[in-house]
Amino acid sequence: MKILVILTLLVLDYSALDDITTGNEPDYTLEYAILALSAVIFLHWYNRVNKI
C-alpha cells in the first residue's frame, strides 16, 4: 500500500512541477499545495523509518 501511495505522490509531484515550470496554469495554489503535502508525507515516513 505504501508503494502505491509513494508512486501516486511522485506522479502528482511531477505533474505539479511540470505545470509550475511550463506556466500552463493561471493559478499555482493547487500545485504548491500538492508539493507541500507530499513533502510533509515523505518527511513523516522518513522520520518514522529513521526514528528521528
PDB file of N, CA and C in Angstrom:
ATOM      1  N   MET A   1       0.823  -1.202   0.000  1.00  0.00           N
ATOM      2  CA  MET A   1       0.000   0.000   0.000  1.00  0.00           C
ATOM      3  C   MET A   1       0.864   1.262   0.000  1.00  0.00           C
ATOM      4  N   LYS A   2       1.977   1.222   0.780  1.00  0.00           N
ATOM      5  CA  LYS A   2       2.847   2.396   0.817  1.00  0.00           C
ATOM      6  C   LYS A   2       3.449   2.695  -0.550  1.00  0.00           C
ATOM      7  N   ILE A   3       3.781   1.638  -1.275  1.00  0.00           N
ATOM      8  CA  ILE A   3       4.378   1.831  -2.594  1.00  0.00           C
ATOM      9  C   ILE A   3       3.400   2.539  -3.526  1.00  0.00           C
ATOM     10  N   LEU A   4       2.132   2.170  -3.453  1.00  0.00           N
ATOM     11  CA  LEU A   4       1.106   2.808  -4.278  1.00  0.00           C
ATOM     12  C   LEU A   4       0.965   4.284  -3.922  1.00  0.00           C
ATOM     13  N   VAL A   5       0.990   4.600  -2.641  1.00  0.00           N
ATOM     14  CA  VAL A   5       0.894   5.991  -2.210  1.00  0.00           C
ATOM     15  C   VAL A   5       2.122   6.775  -2.664  1.00  0.00           C
ATOM     16  N   ILE A   6       3.286   6.188  -2.520  1.00  0.00           N
ATOM     17  CA  ILE A   6       4.518   6.860  -2.940  1.00  0.00           C
ATOM     18  C   ILE A   6       4.516   7.118  -4.444  1.00  0.00           C
ATOM     19  N   LEU A   7       4.137   6.134  -5.217  1.00  0.00           N
ATOM     20  CA  LEU A   7       4.088   6.315  -6.670  1.00  0.00           C
ATOM     21  C   LEU A   7       3.062   7.371  -7.069  1.00  0.00           C
ATOM     22  N   THR A   8       1.920   7.381  -6.395  1.00  0.00           N
ATOM     23  CA  THR A   8       0.905   8.394  -6.679  1.00  0.00           C
ATOM     24  C   THR A   8       1.424   9.785  -6.344  1.00  0.00           C
ATOM     25  N   LEU A   9       2.090   9.916  -5.199  1.00  0.00           N
ATOM     26  CA  LEU A   9       2.660  11.207  -4.836  1.00  0.00           C
ATOM     27  C   LEU A   9       3.723  11.659  -5.827  1.00  0.00           C
ATOM     28  N   LEU A  10       4.547  10.740  -6.278  1.00  0.00           N
ATOM     29  CA  LEU A  10       5.580  11.105  -7.252  1.00  0.00           C
ATOM     30  C   LEU A  10       4.972  11.567  -8.573  1.00  0.00           C
ATOM     31  N   VAL A  11       3.918  10.909  -9.011  1.00  0.00           N
ATOM     32  CA  VAL A  11       3.234  11.321 -10.246  1.00  0.00           C
ATOM     33  C   VAL A  11       2.608  12.704 -10.060  1.00  0.00           C
ATOM     34  N   LEU A  12       1.954  12.924  -8.919  1.00  0.00           N
ATOM     35  CA  LEU A  12       1.363  14.242  -8.651  1.00  0.00           C
ATOM     36  C   LEU A  12       2.434  15.321  -8.540  1.00  0.00           C
ATOM     37  N   ASP A  13       3.559  14.998  -7.901  1.00  0.00           N
ATOM     38  CA  ASP A  13       4.658  15.961  -7.797  1.00  0.00           C
ATOM     39  C   ASP A  13       5.209  16.319  -9.166  1.00  0.00           C
ATOM     40  N   TYR A  14       5.390  15.311 -10.006  1.00  0.00           N
ATOM     41  CA  TYR A  14       5.901  15.572 -11.350  1.00  0.00           C
ATOM     42  C   TYR A  14       4.928  16.455 -12.129  1.00  0.00           C
ATOM     43  N   SER A  15       3.645  16.151 -12.021  1.00  0.00           N
ATOM     44  CA  SER A  15       2.644  16.952 -12.727  1.00  0.00           C
ATOM     45  C   SER A  15       2.621  18.390 -12.213  1.00  0.00           C
ATOM     46  N   ALA A  16       2.711  18.547 -10.896  1.00  0.00           N
ATOM     47  CA  ALA A  16       2.706  19.886 -10.316  1.00  0.00           C
ATOM     48  C   ALA A  16       3.942  20.674 -10.751  1.00  0.00           C
ATOM     49  N   LEU A  17       5.101  20.041 -10.695  1.00  0.00           N
ATOM     50  CA  LEU A  17       6.325  20.728 -11.121  1.00  0.00           C
ATOM     51  C   LEU A  17       6.300  21.056 -12.607  1.00  0.00           C
ATOM     52  N   ASP A  18       5.721  20.192 -13.404  1.00  0.00           N
ATOM     53  CA  ASP A  18       5.606  20.461 -14.837  1.00  0.00           C
ATOM     54  C   ASP A  18       4.722  21.669 -15.081  1.00  0.00           C
ATOM     55  N   ASP A  19       3.593  21.755 -14.385  1.00  0.00           N
ATOM     56  CA  ASP A  19       2.712  22.912 -14.538  1.00  0.00           C
ATOM     57  C   ASP A  19       3.392  24.196 -14.085  1.00  0.00           C
ATOM     58  N   ILE A  20       4.139  24.119 -12.989  1.00  0.00           N
ATOM     59  CA  ILE A  20       4.811  25.314 -12.473  1.00  0.00           C
ATOM     60  C   ILE A  20       5.906  25.779 -13.429  1.00  0.00           C
ATOM     61  N   THR A  21       6.698  24.852 -13.941  1.00  0.00           N
ATOM     62  CA  THR A  21       7.830  25.250 -14.781  1.00  0.00           C
ATOM     63  C   THR A  21       7.422  25.631 -16.199  1.00  0.00           C
ATOM     64  N   THR A  22       6.341  25.067 -16.709  1.00  0.00           N
ATOM     65  CA  THR A  22       5.926  25.410 -18.071  1.00  0.00           C
ATOM     66  C   THR A  22       4.944  26.562 -18.106  1.00  0.00           C
ATOM     67  N   GLY A  23       4.347  26.906 -16.974  1.00  0.00           N
ATOM     68  CA  GLY A  23       3.434  28.037 -16.931  1.00  0.00           C
ATOM     69  C   GLY A  23       2.080  27.748 -17.539  1.00  0.00           C
ATOM     70  N   ASN A  24       1.613  26.499 -17.474  1.00  0.00           N
ATOM     71  CA  ASN A  24       0.329  26.151 -18.084  1.00  0.00           C
ATOM     72  C   ASN A  24      -0.869  26.480 -17.203  1.00  0.00           C
ATOM     73  N   GLU A  25      -0.643  26.855 -15.964  1.00  0.00           N
ATOM     74  CA  GLU A  25      -1.749  27.130 -15.035  1.00  0.00           C
ATOM     75  C   GLU A  25      -1.801  28.622 -14.717  1.00  0.00           C
ATOM     76  N   PRO A  26      -2.996  29.189 -14.648  1.00  0.00           N
ATOM     77  CA  PRO A  26      -3.093  30.603 -14.267  1.00  0.00           C
ATOM     78  C   PRO A  26      -2.890  30.819 -12.763  1.00  0.00           C
ATOM     79  N   ASP A  27      -3.161  29.784 -11.955  1.00  0.00           N
ATOM     80  CA  ASP A  27      -3.024  29.884 -10.509  1.00  0.00           C
ATOM     81  C   ASP A  27      -2.303  28.631 -10.010  1.00  0.00           C
ATOM     82  N   TYR A  28      -1.223  28.819  -9.280  1.00  0.00           N
ATOM     83  CA  TYR A  28      -0.386  27.691  -8.858  1.00  0.00           C
ATOM     84  C   TYR A  28      -0.676  27.216  -7.435  1.00  0.00           C
ATOM     85  N   THR A  29      -1.774  27.642  -6.853  1.00  0.00           N
ATOM     86  CA  THR A  29      -2.085  27.292  -5.467  1.00  0.00           C
ATOM     87  C   THR A  29      -2.179  25.786  -5.282  1.00  0.00           C
ATOM     88  N   LEU A  30      -2.900  25.107  -6.143  1.00  0.00           N
ATOM     89  CA  LEU A  30      -3.063  23.662  -6.020  1.00  0.00           C
ATOM     90  C   LEU A  30      -1.732  22.938  -6.213  1.00  0.00           C
ATOM     91  N   GLU A  31      -0.923  23.406  -7.154  1.00  0.00           N
ATOM     92  CA  GLU A  31       0.367  22.771  -7.395  1.00  0.00           C
ATOM     93  C   GLU A  31       1.282  22.880  -6.181  1.00  0.00           C
ATOM     94  N   TYR A  32       1.336  24.073  -5.591  1.00  0.00           N
ATOM     95  CA  TYR A  32       2.167  24.240  -4.397  1.00  0.00           C
ATOM     96  C   TYR A  32       1.602  23.457  -3.216  1.00  0.00           C
ATOM     97  N   ALA A  33       0.284  23.345  -3.112  1.00  0.00           N
ATOM     98  CA  ALA A  33      -0.328  22.557  -2.043  1.00  0.00           C
ATOM     99  C   ALA A  33       0.025  21.079  -2.195  1.00  0.00           C
ATOM    100  N   ILE A  34       0.020  20.574  -3.427  1.00  0.00           N
ATOM    101  CA  ILE A  34       0.403  19.179  -3.683  1.00  0.00           C
ATOM    102  C   ILE A  34       1.851  18.944  -3.270  1.00  0.00           C
ATOM    103  N   LEU A  35       2.735  19.855  -3.650  1.00  0.00           N
ATOM    104  CA  LEU A  35       4.146  19.708  -3.289  1.00  0.00           C
ATOM    105  C   LEU A  35       4.353  19.783  -1.780  1.00  0.00           C
ATOM    106  N   ALA A  36       3.651  20.691  -1.118  1.00  0.00           N
ATOM    107  CA  ALA A  36       3.794  20.816   0.335  1.00  0.00           C
ATOM    108  C   ALA A  36       3.259  19.581   1.053  1.00  0.00           C
ATOM    109  N   LEU A  37       2.113  19.081   0.622  1.00  0.00           N
ATOM    110  CA  LEU A  37       1.535  17.896   1.255  1.00  0.00           C
ATOM    111  C   LEU A  37       2.431  16.680   1.057  1.00  0.00           C
ATOM    112  N   SER A  38       2.953  16.511  -0.130  1.00  0.00           N
ATOM    113  CA  SER A  38       3.817  15.354  -0.365  1.00  0.00           C
ATOM    114  C   SER A  38       5.122  15.480   0.423  1.00  0.00           C
ATOM    115  N   ALA A  39       5.637  16.692   0.588  1.00  0.00           N
ATOM    116  CA  ALA A  39       6.839  16.874   1.392  1.00  0.00           C
ATOM    117  C   ALA A  39       6.579  16.493   2.846  1.00  0.00           C
ATOM    118  N   VAL A  40       5.415  16.873   3.364  1.00  0.00           N
ATOM    119  CA  VAL A  40       5.065  16.507   4.739  1.00  0.00           C
ATOM    120  C   VAL A  40       4.963  14.990   4.878  1.00  0.00           C
ATOM    121  N   ILE A  41       4.320  14.339   3.925  1.00  0.00           N
ATOM    122  CA  ILE A  41       4.160  12.880   3.986  1.00  0.00           C
ATOM    123  C   ILE A  41       5.514  12.184   3.879  1.00  0.00           C
ATOM    124  N   PHE A  42       6.336  12.614   2.924  1.00  0.00           N
ATOM    125  CA  PHE A  42       7.653  11.997   2.773  1.00  0.00           C
ATOM    126  C   PHE A  42       8.514  12.204   4.017  1.00  0.00           C
ATOM    127  N   LEU A  43       8.508  13.393   4.599  1.00  0.00           N
ATOM    128  CA  LEU A  43       9.287  13.641   5.807  1.00  0.00           C
ATOM    129  C   LEU A  43       8.759  12.843   6.989  1.00  0.00           C
ATOM    130  N   HIS A  44       7.454  12.685   7.079  1.00  0.00           N
ATOM    131  CA  HIS A  44       6.873  11.868   8.145  1.00  0.00           C
ATOM    132  C   HIS A  44       7.350  10.423   8.031  1.00  0.00           C
ATOM    133  N   TRP A  45       7.285   9.876   6.833  1.00  0.00           N
ATOM    134  CA  TRP A  45       7.744   8.497   6.631  1.00  0.00           C
ATOM    135  C   TRP A  45       9.241   8.363   6.869  1.00  0.00           C
ATOM    136  N   TYR A  46      10.008   9.354   6.439  1.00  0.00           N
ATOM    137  CA  TYR A  46      11.459   9.327   6.665  1.00  0.00           C
ATOM    138  C   TYR A  46      11.765   9.312   8.161  1.00  0.00           C
ATOM    139  N   ASN A  47      11.071  10.162   8.915  1.00  0.00           N
ATOM    140  CA  ASN A  47      11.301  10.207  10.357  1.00  0.00           C
ATOM    141  C   ASN A  47      10.884   8.915  11.043  1.00  0.00           C
ATOM    142  N   ARG A  48       9.833   8.275  10.580  1.00  0.00           N
ATOM    143  CA  ARG A  48       9.413   7.007  11.179  1.00  0.00           C
ATOM    144  C   ARG A  48      10.415   5.901  10.887  1.00  0.00           C
ATOM    145  N   VAL A  49      10.967   5.905   9.682  1.00  0.00           N
ATOM    146  CA  VAL A  49      11.933   4.870   9.316  1.00  0.00           C
ATOM    147  C   VAL A  49      13.235   5.056  10.076  1.00  0.00           C
ATOM    148  N   ASN A  50      13.694   6.293  10.182  1.00  0.00           N
ATOM    149  CA  ASN A  50      14.973   6.581  10.832  1.00  0.00           C
ATOM    150  C   ASN A  50      14.841   6.913  12.312  1.00  0.00           C
ATOM    151  N   LYS A  51      13.646   6.893  12.835  1.00  0.00           N
ATOM    152  CA  LYS A  51      13.373   7.117  14.266  1.00  0.00           C
ATOM    153  C   LYS A  51      14.013   8.395  14.790  1.00  0.00           C
ATOM    154  N   ILE A  52      13.801   9.472  14.062  1.00  0.00           N
ATOM    155  CA  ILE A  52      14.339  10.781  14.483  1.00  0.00           C
ATOM    156  C   ILE A  52      13.360  11.443  15.437  1.00  0.00           C
TER     157      ILE A  52
END
